[in-house]
Amino acid sequence: MDEVVSTLFVEWDALSELVHQIHEDQWLQPSQLPDWTNFDILAHIIGTERFLSGESPSALDLPADRQYANEVARLNDQWIQSLRRLSPSELIAHFNETISLRKQALTSITDSELDALGWTPIGQAPFRRFLQIRVFDCYVHEQDLRRSLNLPGHTSGVIAESSMDEVERALGYIIGKQARLPQGTSVQLCIVGGVQRTWNVAVNERAQLVESLAQPTCALRLDSNLFMALACGRVEPTAVAEEINIEGDQRLAQQVVKNLAFTI
């Protein structure tokens, strides 16, 4: 079995273990995601995997005044709305069935199928890359549920490492395009806790990772779970300022912290 497939299976198993800990009265509680309950988060995961199996959501009329950023967002909402007719226990059963079907399909996938180019959230890429992004997306939503339910965990191990790799791939974009650090500056990010990384990013013609920095313009040190929450836009930077150790240029460091979110 390909490594990315087995990694995705590990994440699905972690999600399965978590959803079976959720009490009946917690499912309809609001999550940290706007307009989504805990129920909706799991419905979103189910909908995505059902779509990848070739299914379509039930036909229904979405609110005419609701605005969507793109067609994917509209489809996500359609899946959630179509699954809201289920009870929490029915949703869990639907999740179990969905994951079982997806595991069956992916267990027999060939290298040529994994290498085939197709649509991904980052543009045309091999299906293997798409599955890497699925690992990240499922893990981020697992952590959404954990924060909502006050059930912290799964902050280390192969899935946490894989998800941090996904953020690492975006660091040039985050520092150069979002934080807009000026030419000639640099930042060191020291990530501690469940996942440990030290990244050096220099901004010359563009922002890029470098092996080392003689004297970074600013340096940030923070917990890996907090960093992931910031990178995914799950917490307000001002609310966690005291949990981030900053050295060097304070203004530029704050500029980085306020612009870490590269996904929603």
C-alpha atoms as a PDB file:
ATOM      1  CA  MET A   1       0.000   0.000   0.000  1.00  0.00           C
ATOM      2  CA  ASP A   2       1.285   3.463  -0.894  1.00  0.00           C
ATOM      3  CA  GLU A   3       2.473   5.560   2.059  1.00  0.00           C
ATOM      4  CA  VAL A   4       0.022   8.407   1.447  1.00  0.00           C
ATOM      5  CA  VAL A   5      -2.896   5.953   1.382  1.00  0.00           C
ATOM      6  CA  SER A   6      -1.862   4.313   4.655  1.00  0.00           C
ATOM      7  CA  THR A   7      -1.380   7.760   6.210  1.00  0.00           C
ATOM      8  CA  LEU A   8      -4.892   8.783   5.198  1.00  0.00           C
ATOM      9  CA  PHE A   9      -6.234   5.570   6.733  1.00  0.00           C
ATOM     10  CA  VAL A  10      -4.499   6.409  10.023  1.00  0.00           C
ATOM     11  CA  GLU A  11      -6.202   9.812  10.057  1.00  0.00           C
ATOM     12  CA  TRP A  12      -9.603   8.317   9.309  1.00  0.00           C
ATOM     13  CA  ASP A  13      -9.121   5.872  12.189  1.00  0.00           C
ATOM     14  CA  ALA A  14      -8.258   8.777  14.503  1.00  0.00           C
ATOM     15  CA  LEU A  15     -11.391  10.617  13.381  1.00  0.00           C
ATOM     16  CA  SER A  16     -13.496   7.516  13.940  1.00  0.00           C
ATOM     17  CA  GLU A  17     -12.172   7.153  17.474  1.00  0.00           C
ATOM     18  CA  LEU A  18     -12.937  10.812  18.178  1.00  0.00           C
ATOM     19  CA  VAL A  19     -16.489  10.930  16.799  1.00  0.00           C
ATOM     20  CA  HIS A  20     -17.463   7.970  18.953  1.00  0.00           C
ATOM     21  CA  GLN A  21     -16.551  10.066  22.012  1.00  0.00           C
ATOM     22  CA  ILE A  22     -19.009  12.836  21.129  1.00  0.00           C
ATOM     23  CA  HIS A  23     -22.163  12.874  23.250  1.00  0.00           C
ATOM     24  CA  GLU A  24     -25.582  13.202  21.660  1.00  0.00           C
ATOM     25  CA  ASP A  25     -26.123  16.727  22.993  1.00  0.00           C
ATOM     26  CA  GLN A  26     -22.753  17.962  21.671  1.00  0.00           C
ATOM     27  CA  TRP A  27     -23.388  17.367  17.991  1.00  0.00           C
ATOM     28  CA  LEU A  28     -25.495  20.460  17.381  1.00  0.00           C
ATOM     29  CA  GLN A  29     -23.288  22.770  19.425  1.00  0.00           C
ATOM     30  CA  PRO A  30     -21.653  25.572  17.398  1.00  0.00           C
ATOM     31  CA  SER A  31     -18.069  24.936  16.372  1.00  0.00           C
ATOM     32  CA  GLN A  32     -15.411  27.602  15.890  1.00  0.00           C
ATOM     33  CA  LEU A  33     -16.198  27.604  12.174  1.00  0.00           C
ATOM     34  CA  PRO A  34     -18.791  30.224  11.157  1.00  0.00           C
ATOM     35  CA  ASP A  35     -22.308  28.749  10.846  1.00  0.00           C
ATOM     36  CA  TRP A  36     -21.058  25.177  11.313  1.00  0.00           C
ATOM     37  CA  THR A  37     -21.940  22.864  14.186  1.00  0.00           C
ATOM     38  CA  ASN A  38     -19.880  19.829  15.169  1.00  0.00           C
ATOM     39  CA  PHE A  39     -22.401  17.820  13.137  1.00  0.00           C
ATOM     40  CA  ASP A  40     -21.660  19.963  10.080  1.00  0.00           C
ATOM     41  CA  ILE A  41     -17.903  19.362  10.324  1.00  0.00           C
ATOM     42  CA  LEU A  42     -18.361  15.603  10.102  1.00  0.00           C
ATOM     43  CA  ALA A  43     -21.006  16.026   7.396  1.00  0.00           C
ATOM     44  CA  HIS A  44     -18.472  18.031   5.376  1.00  0.00           C
ATOM     45  CA  ILE A  45     -15.886  15.250   5.632  1.00  0.00           C
ATOM     46  CA  ILE A  46     -18.480  12.657   4.622  1.00  0.00           C
ATOM     47  CA  GLY A  47     -19.679  14.771   1.715  1.00  0.00           C
ATOM     48  CA  THR A  48     -16.179  15.213   0.329  1.00  0.00           C
ATOM     49  CA  GLU A  49     -15.442  11.493   0.434  1.00  0.00           C
ATOM     50  CA  ARG A  50     -18.835  10.646  -1.080  1.00  0.00           C
ATOM     51  CA  PHE A  51     -18.145  13.114  -3.871  1.00  0.00           C
ATOM     52  CA  LEU A  52     -14.782  11.459  -4.493  1.00  0.00           C
ATOM     53  CA  SER A  53     -16.680   8.169  -4.767  1.00  0.00           C
ATOM     54  CA  GLY A  54     -18.699   9.650  -7.613  1.00  0.00           C
ATOM     55  CA  GLU A  55     -21.847  10.561  -5.681  1.00  0.00           C
ATOM     56  CA  SER A  56     -23.753  13.852  -5.694  1.00  0.00           C
ATOM     57  CA  PRO A  57     -25.610  15.499  -2.800  1.00  0.00           C
ATOM     58  CA  SER A  58     -29.387  15.334  -2.662  1.00  0.00           C
ATOM     59  CA  ALA A  59     -31.084  17.933  -4.823  1.00  0.00           C
ATOM     60  CA  LEU A  60     -32.238  20.850  -2.700  1.00  0.00           C
ATOM     61  CA  ASP A  61     -32.605  24.598  -2.920  1.00  0.00           C
ATOM     62  CA  LEU A  62     -29.904  26.546  -1.125  1.00  0.00           C
ATOM     63  CA  PRO A  63     -30.750  29.980   0.324  1.00  0.00           C
ATOM     64  CA  ALA A  64     -30.905  32.453  -2.564  1.00  0.00           C
ATOM     65  CA  ASP A  65     -29.129  35.184  -0.590  1.00  0.00           C
ATOM     66  CA  ARG A  66     -26.166  33.002   0.437  1.00  0.00           C
ATOM     67  CA  GLN A  67     -22.881  33.978  -1.178  1.00  0.00           C
ATOM     68  CA  TYR A  68     -20.204  31.397  -2.013  1.00  0.00           C
ATOM     69  CA  ALA A  69     -16.543  32.046  -2.708  1.00  0.00           C
ATOM     70  CA  ASN A  70     -16.513  29.381  -5.418  1.00  0.00           C
ATOM     71  CA  GLU A  71     -18.276  26.282  -6.707  1.00  0.00           C
ATOM     72  CA  VAL A  72     -16.470  24.049  -4.203  1.00  0.00           C
ATOM     73  CA  ALA A  73     -17.862  26.102  -1.300  1.00  0.00           C
ATOM     74  CA  ARG A  74     -21.361  25.840  -2.760  1.00  0.00           C
ATOM     75  CA  LEU A  75     -21.004  22.068  -3.149  1.00  0.00           C
ATOM     76  CA  ASN A  76     -19.707  21.746   0.418  1.00  0.00           C
ATOM     77  CA  ASP A  77     -22.784  23.551   1.710  1.00  0.00           C
ATOM     78  CA  GLN A  78     -25.080  21.423  -0.412  1.00  0.00           C
ATOM     79  CA  TRP A  79     -23.624  18.259   1.100  1.00  0.00           C
ATOM     80  CA  ILE A  80     -23.982  19.607   4.630  1.00  0.00           C
ATOM     81  CA  GLN A  81     -27.570  20.715   4.067  1.00  0.00           C
ATOM     82  CA  SER A  82     -28.493  17.352   2.551  1.00  0.00           C
ATOM     83  CA  LEU A  83     -27.084  15.432   5.533  1.00  0.00           C
ATOM     84  CA  ARG A  84     -28.749  17.552   8.218  1.00  0.00           C
ATOM     85  CA  ARG A  85     -31.837  15.342   7.970  1.00  0.00           C
ATOM     86  CA  LEU A  86     -29.862  12.598   9.740  1.00  0.00           C
ATOM     87  CA  SER A  87     -29.709  12.086  13.483  1.00  0.00           C
ATOM     88  CA  PRO A  88     -26.250  12.095  15.105  1.00  0.00           C
ATOM     89  CA  SER A  89     -26.237   8.299  15.352  1.00  0.00           C
ATOM     90  CA  GLU A  90     -27.246   8.036  11.687  1.00  0.00           C
ATOM     91  CA  LEU A  91     -24.477  10.470  10.749  1.00  0.00           C
ATOM     92  CA  ILE A  92     -21.888   8.338  12.557  1.00  0.00           C
ATOM     93  CA  ALA A  93     -23.176   5.232  10.781  1.00  0.00           C
ATOM     94  CA  HIS A  94     -22.967   7.106   7.474  1.00  0.00           C
ATOM     95  CA  PHE A  95     -19.398   8.146   8.293  1.00  0.00           C
ATOM     96  CA  ASN A  96     -18.417   4.558   9.112  1.00  0.00           C
ATOM     97  CA  GLU A  97     -19.945   3.310   5.869  1.00  0.00           C
ATOM     98  CA  THR A  98     -18.302   6.073   3.837  1.00  0.00           C
ATOM     99  CA  ILE A  99     -14.832   5.442   5.237  1.00  0.00           C
ATOM    100  CA  SER A 100     -15.210   1.695   4.736  1.00  0.00           C
ATOM    101  CA  LEU A 101     -16.093   2.244   1.072  1.00  0.00           C
ATOM    102  CA  ARG A 102     -13.229   4.684   0.555  1.00  0.00           C
ATOM    103  CA  LYS A 103     -10.734   2.311   2.159  1.00  0.00           C
ATOM    104  CA  GLN A 104     -11.874  -0.471  -0.155  1.00  0.00           C
ATOM    105  CA  ALA A 105     -11.433   1.777  -3.182  1.00  0.00           C
ATOM    106  CA  LEU A 106      -8.009   3.099  -2.182  1.00  0.00           C
ATOM    107  CA  THR A 107      -6.559  -0.214  -1.004  1.00  0.00           C
ATOM    108  CA  SER A 108      -6.401  -1.433  -4.587  1.00  0.00           C
ATOM    109  CA  ILE A 109      -5.288   1.851  -6.183  1.00  0.00           C
ATOM    110  CA  THR A 110      -2.345   1.530  -8.573  1.00  0.00           C
ATOM    111  CA  ASP A 111       0.772   3.661  -8.930  1.00  0.00           C
ATOM    112  CA  SER A 112      -0.415   4.869 -12.317  1.00  0.00           C
ATOM    113  CA  GLU A 113      -3.695   6.042 -10.778  1.00  0.00           C
ATOM    114  CA  LEU A 114      -1.812   7.838  -8.011  1.00  0.00           C
ATOM    115  CA  ASP A 115       0.427   9.496 -10.595  1.00  0.00           C
ATOM    116  CA  ALA A 116      -2.470  10.596 -12.812  1.00  0.00           C
ATOM    117  CA  LEU A 117      -2.833  14.369 -13.111  1.00  0.00           C
ATOM    118  CA  GLY A 118      -6.106  15.960 -12.093  1.00  0.00           C
ATOM    119  CA  TRP A 119      -7.767  18.765 -10.170  1.00  0.00           C
ATOM    120  CA  THR A 120      -6.593  19.542  -6.640  1.00  0.00           C
ATOM    121  CA  PRO A 121      -7.166  22.584  -4.394  1.00  0.00           C
ATOM    122  CA  ILE A 122      -3.717  23.826  -5.455  1.00  0.00           C
ATOM    123  CA  GLY A 123      -4.199  23.284  -9.190  1.00  0.00           C
ATOM    124  CA  GLN A 124      -3.352  20.378 -11.488  1.00  0.00           C
ATOM    125  CA  ALA A 125      -1.283  17.771  -9.659  1.00  0.00           C
ATOM    126  CA  PRO A 126      -0.965  13.981  -9.303  1.00  0.00           C
ATOM    127  CA  PHE A 127      -3.753  12.227  -7.387  1.00  0.00           C
ATOM    128  CA  ARG A 128      -1.128  11.266  -4.788  1.00  0.00           C
ATOM    129  CA  ARG A 129      -0.740  14.981  -4.024  1.00  0.00           C
ATOM    130  CA  PHE A 130      -4.507  15.308  -3.738  1.00  0.00           C
ATOM    131  CA  LEU A 131      -4.535  12.564  -1.089  1.00  0.00           C
ATOM    132  CA  GLN A 132      -1.804  14.372   0.853  1.00  0.00           C
ATOM    133  CA  ILE A 133      -4.097  17.384   0.962  1.00  0.00           C
ATOM    134  CA  ARG A 134      -6.963  15.130   2.118  1.00  0.00           C
ATOM    135  CA  VAL A 135      -4.825  14.023   5.071  1.00  0.00           C
ATOM    136  CA  PHE A 136      -4.261  17.666   5.963  1.00  0.00           C
ATOM    137  CA  ASP A 137      -7.916  18.651   5.543  1.00  0.00           C
ATOM    138  CA  CYS A 138      -9.212  15.756   7.642  1.00  0.00           C
ATOM    139  CA  TYR A 139      -6.637  16.442  10.363  1.00  0.00           C
ATOM    140  CA  VAL A 140      -7.500  20.141  10.481  1.00  0.00           C
ATOM    141  CA  HIS A 141     -11.182  19.276  10.908  1.00  0.00           C
ATOM    142  CA  GLU A 142     -10.318  16.696  13.558  1.00  0.00           C
ATOM    143  CA  GLN A 143      -8.605  19.487  15.477  1.00  0.00           C
ATOM    144  CA  ASP A 144     -11.645  21.738  14.886  1.00  0.00           C
ATOM    145  CA  LEU A 145     -13.765  19.133  16.653  1.00  0.00           C
ATOM    146  CA  ARG A 146     -11.229  18.716  19.448  1.00  0.00           C
ATOM    147  CA  ARG A 147     -11.172  22.459  20.160  1.00  0.00           C
ATOM    148  CA  SER A 148     -14.949  22.672  20.084  1.00  0.00           C
ATOM    149  CA  LEU A 149     -15.343  19.701  22.434  1.00  0.00           C
ATOM    150  CA  ASN A 150     -12.369  20.556  24.659  1.00  0.00           C
ATOM    151  CA  LEU A 151     -10.783  17.205  23.828  1.00  0.00           C
ATOM    152  CA  PRO A 152      -7.172  18.143  23.001  1.00  0.00           C
ATOM    153  CA  GLY A 153      -4.982  15.454  21.528  1.00  0.00           C
ATOM    154  CA  HIS A 154      -3.322  13.920  18.488  1.00  0.00           C
ATOM    155  CA  THR A 155      -0.758  16.719  18.358  1.00  0.00           C
ATOM    156  CA  SER A 156       2.175  14.455  17.495  1.00  0.00           C
ATOM    157  CA  GLY A 157       2.843  11.466  15.282  1.00  0.00           C
ATOM    158  CA  VAL A 158       2.743  10.776  11.565  1.00  0.00           C
ATOM    159  CA  ILE A 159      -0.442  12.763  10.849  1.00  0.00           C
ATOM    160  CA  ALA A 160       0.651  15.851  12.771  1.00  0.00           C
ATOM    161  CA  GLU A 161       4.022  15.686  10.984  1.00  0.00           C
ATOM    162  CA  SER A 162       2.396  15.260   7.575  1.00  0.00           C
ATOM    163  CA  SER A 163       0.076  18.201   8.215  1.00  0.00           C
ATOM    164  CA  MET A 164       2.988  20.381   9.287  1.00  0.00           C
ATOM    165  CA  ASP A 165       4.706  19.442   6.022  1.00  0.00           C
ATOM    166  CA  GLU A 166       1.702  20.930   4.230  1.00  0.00           C
ATOM    167  CA  VAL A 167       2.174  24.257   5.998  1.00  0.00           C
ATOM    168  CA  GLU A 168       5.915  24.139   5.297  1.00  0.00           C
ATOM    169  CA  ARG A 169       5.193  23.922   1.571  1.00  0.00           C
ATOM    170  CA  ALA A 170       3.270  27.194   1.856  1.00  0.00           C
ATOM    171  CA  LEU A 171       5.835  29.164   3.883  1.00  0.00           C
ATOM    172  CA  GLY A 172       7.186  31.115   0.925  1.00  0.00           C
ATOM    173  CA  TYR A 173       3.656  32.233   0.085  1.00  0.00           C
ATOM    174  CA  ILE A 174       2.802  32.998   3.719  1.00  0.00           C
ATOM    175  CA  ILE A 175       5.891  35.116   4.380  1.00  0.00           C
ATOM    176  CA  GLY A 176       6.286  36.678   0.946  1.00  0.00           C
ATOM    177  CA  LYS A 177       2.730  37.193  -0.288  1.00  0.00           C
ATOM    178  CA  GLN A 178       0.643  37.416   2.867  1.00  0.00           C
ATOM    179  CA  ALA A 179       2.948  38.903   5.497  1.00  0.00           C
ATOM    180  CA  ARG A 180       4.696  40.904   2.756  1.00  0.00           C
ATOM    181  CA  LEU A 181       8.018  41.135   4.527  1.00  0.00           C
ATOM    182  CA  PRO A 182      10.239  43.623   2.701  1.00  0.00           C
ATOM    183  CA  GLN A 183      13.251  42.731   0.606  1.00  0.00           C
ATOM    184  CA  GLY A 184      16.349  41.930   2.612  1.00  0.00           C
ATOM    185  CA  THR A 185      14.505  40.806   5.755  1.00  0.00           C
ATOM    186  CA  SER A 186      14.289  37.322   7.208  1.00  0.00           C
ATOM    187  CA  VAL A 187      12.382  35.367   9.838  1.00  0.00           C
ATOM    188  CA  GLN A 188      13.115  32.273  11.867  1.00  0.00           C
ATOM    189  CA  LEU A 189      10.180  30.149  13.020  1.00  0.00           C
ATOM    190  CA  CYS A 190      10.946  27.760  15.855  1.00  0.00           C
ATOM    191  CA  ILE A 191       8.096  25.277  16.325  1.00  0.00           C
ATOM    192  CA  VAL A 192       8.113  23.268  19.557  1.00  0.00           C
ATOM    193  CA  GLY A 193       5.840  20.727  21.232  1.00  0.00           C
ATOM    194  CA  GLY A 194       4.295  17.719  19.496  1.00  0.00           C
ATOM    195  CA  VAL A 195       5.939  18.606  16.181  1.00  0.00           C
ATOM    196  CA  GLN A 196       9.331  20.285  16.199  1.00  0.00           C
ATOM    197  CA  ARG A 197      10.668  22.308  13.281  1.00  0.00           C
ATOM    198  CA  THR A 198      13.022  25.228  12.745  1.00  0.00           C
ATOM    199  CA  TRP A 199      12.425  27.166   9.543  1.00  0.00           C
ATOM    200  CA  ASN A 200      14.548  29.996   8.190  1.00  0.00           C
ATOM    201  CA  VAL A 201      12.876  32.164   5.561  1.00  0.00           C
ATOM    202  CA  ALA A 202      14.792  34.868   3.700  1.00  0.00           C
ATOM    203  CA  VAL A 203      13.135  37.475   1.488  1.00  0.00           C
ATOM    204  CA  ASN A 204      15.248  38.390  -1.503  1.00  0.00           C
ATOM    205  CA  GLU A 205      13.603  38.404  -4.925  1.00  0.00           C
ATOM    206  CA  ARG A 206      11.024  36.179  -3.287  1.00  0.00           C
ATOM    207  CA  ALA A 207      10.561  34.550   0.101  1.00  0.00           C
ATOM    208  CA  GLN A 208      12.108  31.110   0.360  1.00  0.00           C
ATOM    209  CA  LEU A 209      13.379  28.625   2.899  1.00  0.00           C
ATOM    210  CA  VAL A 210      17.132  28.704   3.483  1.00  0.00           C
ATOM    211  CA  GLU A 211      19.358  26.394   5.478  1.00  0.00           C
ATOM    212  CA  SER A 212      20.449  29.003   8.022  1.00  0.00           C
ATOM    213  CA  LEU A 213      20.376  32.698   8.883  1.00  0.00           C
ATOM    214  CA  ALA A 214      23.303  34.573  10.395  1.00  0.00           C
ATOM    215  CA  GLN A 215      21.001  37.098  12.057  1.00  0.00           C
ATOM    216  CA  PRO A 216      17.254  36.844  11.367  1.00  0.00           C
ATOM    217  CA  THR A 217      15.364  40.131  11.347  1.00  0.00           C
ATOM    218  CA  CYS A 218      12.864  38.546  13.716  1.00  0.00           C
ATOM    219  CA  ALA A 219      12.364  35.163  15.338  1.00  0.00           C
ATOM    220  CA  LEU A 220       9.206  33.494  16.632  1.00  0.00           C
ATOM    221  CA  ARG A 221       8.926  30.509  18.959  1.00  0.00           C
ATOM    222  CA  LEU A 222       5.559  28.831  19.555  1.00  0.00           C
ATOM    223  CA  ASP A 223       3.820  25.517  20.167  1.00  0.00           C
ATOM    224  CA  SER A 224       3.117  23.382  17.101  1.00  0.00           C
ATOM    225  CA  ASN A 225      -0.608  23.012  17.817  1.00  0.00           C
ATOM    226  CA  LEU A 226      -0.972  26.767  18.208  1.00  0.00           C
ATOM    227  CA  PHE A 227       1.017  27.353  15.030  1.00  0.00           C
ATOM    228  CA  MET A 228      -1.258  24.986  13.115  1.00  0.00           C
ATOM    229  CA  ALA A 229      -4.351  26.762  14.458  1.00  0.00           C
ATOM    230  CA  LEU A 230      -2.943  30.120  13.353  1.00  0.00           C
ATOM    231  CA  ALA A 231      -1.927  28.796   9.936  1.00  0.00           C
ATOM    232  CA  CYS A 232      -5.456  27.488   9.408  1.00  0.00           C
ATOM    233  CA  GLY A 233      -7.140  30.677  10.590  1.00  0.00           C
ATOM    234  CA  ARG A 234      -8.682  29.019  13.643  1.00  0.00           C
ATOM    235  CA  VAL A 235      -7.598  31.539  16.288  1.00  0.00           C
ATOM    236  CA  GLU A 236      -7.255  35.299  16.408  1.00  0.00           C
ATOM    237  CA  PRO A 237      -3.559  36.259  16.602  1.00  0.00           C
ATOM    238  CA  THR A 238      -4.259  38.961  19.183  1.00  0.00           C
ATOM    239  CA  ALA A 239      -5.898  36.399  21.477  1.00  0.00           C
ATOM    240  CA  VAL A 240      -2.754  34.255  21.689  1.00  0.00           C
ATOM    241  CA  ALA A 241      -0.053  36.937  21.566  1.00  0.00           C
ATOM    242  CA  GLU A 242       1.252  36.032  25.027  1.00  0.00           C
ATOM    243  CA  GLU A 243       1.836  32.430  23.935  1.00  0.00           C
ATOM    244  CA  ILE A 244       4.336  33.455  21.248  1.00  0.00           C
ATOM    245  CA  ASN A 245       7.927  34.327  22.100  1.00  0.00           C
ATOM    246  CA  ILE A 246       9.295  37.027  19.806  1.00  0.00           C
ATOM    247  CA  GLU A 247      12.858  38.263  19.359  1.00  0.00           C
ATOM    248  CA  GLY A 248      14.200  40.957  17.068  1.00  0.00           C
ATOM    249  CA  ASP A 249      11.996  43.329  15.086  1.00  0.00           C
ATOM    250  CA  GLN A 250       8.692  43.290  16.957  1.00  0.00           C
ATOM    251  CA  ARG A 251       6.705  45.025  14.234  1.00  0.00           C
ATOM    252  CA  LEU A 252       7.757  42.600  11.511  1.00  0.00           C
ATOM    253  CA  ALA A 253       7.201  39.636  13.822  1.00  0.00           C
ATOM    254  CA  GLN A 254       3.643  40.795  14.525  1.00  0.00           C
ATOM    255  CA  GLN A 255       3.160  41.240  10.787  1.00  0.00           C
ATOM    256  CA  VAL A 256       4.069  37.570  10.341  1.00  0.00           C
ATOM    257  CA  VAL A 257       1.807  36.379  13.168  1.00  0.00           C
ATOM    258  CA  LYS A 258      -1.187  38.328  11.862  1.00  0.00           C
ATOM    259  CA  ASN A 259      -0.778  36.841   8.387  1.00  0.00           C
ATOM    260  CA  LEU A 260      -0.003  33.179   9.057  1.00  0.00           C
ATOM    261  CA  ALA A 261      -3.446  31.961   7.977  1.00  0.00           C
ATOM    262  CA  PHE A 262      -3.182  30.494   4.488  1.00  0.00           C
ATOM    263  CA  THR A 263      -6.343  28.389   4.583  1.00  0.00           C
ATOM    264  CA  ILE A 264      -9.842  28.748   6.028  1.00  0.00           C
END
